[in-house]
Amino acid sequence: RSKGIEVVSINTDQVKWNWRNASKKDRISWINVYAGSVSPILFDYNIESYPTKIIYNNKFEIIEKKMNFLLDLLDLK
């Protein structure tokens, strides 16, 4: 956040209980929501693998979708 970046996780696991337990265990500190395994988000954003990282600018336009490491954010202009 101090660098102007906000992280949001959207989980599409089949079992909500697994997501909830893993989130608590990992102490997820960013926005972390459960969408479910039949969520339209899978099709809307053409999710092909996990994790999928989609980077938006401050106008909510997609600027990057094929990013391997979150540290790559520092290289985005």
Protein backbone atom coordinates (compact mmCIF):
# COMPACT_ATOMS: atom_id res chain seq x y z
CA ARG A 1 0.00 0.00 0.00
CA SER A 2 2.82 2.40 0.75
CA LYS A 3 3.99 1.97 -2.88
CA GLY A 4 0.49 2.63 -4.27
CA ILE A 5 -0.35 -1.04 -4.79
CA GLU A 6 -3.43 -2.81 -3.42
CA VAL A 7 -3.57 -6.62 -3.41
CA VAL A 8 -6.92 -8.39 -3.69
CA SER A 9 -7.28 -12.18 -3.61
CA ILE A 10 -10.32 -13.91 -5.07
CA ASN A 11 -10.51 -17.58 -4.23
CA THR A 12 -12.35 -20.08 -6.42
CA ASP A 13 -11.77 -23.29 -4.45
CA GLN A 14 -14.60 -25.81 -4.37
CA VAL A 15 -14.81 -25.82 -0.58
CA LYS A 16 -15.22 -22.53 1.24
CA TRP A 17 -14.06 -24.10 4.50
CA ASN A 18 -10.62 -24.84 2.97
CA TRP A 19 -10.24 -21.21 1.89
CA ARG A 20 -11.29 -19.91 5.29
CA ASN A 21 -8.87 -22.18 7.18
CA ALA A 22 -5.95 -21.47 4.85
CA SER A 23 -6.59 -17.71 5.07
CA LYS A 24 -6.49 -17.84 8.86
CA LYS A 25 -3.44 -20.10 8.94
CA ASP A 26 -1.53 -17.90 6.45
CA ARG A 27 -2.68 -14.71 8.20
CA ILE A 28 -3.78 -13.08 4.97
CA SER A 29 -3.66 -9.33 5.60
CA TRP A 30 -4.93 -8.04 2.27
CA ILE A 31 -8.45 -8.06 0.80
CA ASN A 32 -9.28 -11.75 0.46
CA VAL A 33 -12.69 -12.93 -0.76
CA TYR A 34 -14.27 -16.24 -1.71
CA ALA A 35 -16.09 -16.46 -5.06
CA GLY A 36 -16.62 -20.23 -5.32
CA SER A 37 -15.74 -22.77 -7.98
CA VAL A 38 -18.58 -21.87 -10.34
CA SER A 39 -18.02 -18.12 -10.22
CA PRO A 40 -18.37 -16.26 -13.54
CA ILE A 41 -15.06 -14.58 -12.71
CA LEU A 42 -13.31 -17.70 -14.05
CA PHE A 43 -14.78 -17.09 -17.50
CA ASP A 44 -14.91 -13.29 -17.38
CA TYR A 45 -11.14 -13.11 -16.83
CA ASN A 46 -10.19 -16.30 -18.71
CA ILE A 47 -8.53 -17.88 -15.68
CA GLU A 48 -6.31 -20.70 -16.96
CA SER A 49 -4.04 -21.44 -14.00
CA TYR A 50 -3.49 -20.63 -10.35
CA PRO A 51 -2.51 -18.24 -9.09
CA THR A 52 -3.52 -15.79 -11.80
CA LYS A 53 -2.34 -12.25 -11.21
CA ILE A 54 -4.18 -9.44 -12.97
CA ILE A 55 -2.81 -5.94 -12.58
CA TYR A 56 -5.05 -2.91 -13.02
CA ASN A 57 -4.16 0.76 -13.14
CA ASN A 58 -6.03 3.38 -11.12
CA LYS A 59 -8.67 3.58 -13.90
CA PHE A 60 -9.42 -0.18 -13.47
CA GLU A 61 -7.93 -1.00 -16.87
CA ILE A 62 -5.98 -4.26 -17.13
CA ILE A 63 -2.32 -3.45 -17.66
CA GLU A 64 -0.78 -6.89 -17.08
CA LYS A 65 -2.11 -10.43 -16.83
CA LYS A 66 0.83 -12.79 -17.37
CA MET A 67 2.96 -12.02 -14.34
CA ASN A 68 4.93 -14.74 -12.59
CA PHE A 69 6.07 -12.95 -9.44
CA LEU A 70 4.52 -10.13 -7.45
CA LEU A 71 7.95 -8.51 -7.26
CA ASP A 72 7.54 -7.88 -10.99
CA LEU A 73 5.10 -5.13 -9.97
CA LEU A 74 8.06 -2.95 -9.17
CA ASP A 75 9.06 -3.03 -12.84
CA LEU A 76 5.67 -1.87 -14.14
CA LYS A 77 5.43 1.71 -15.29
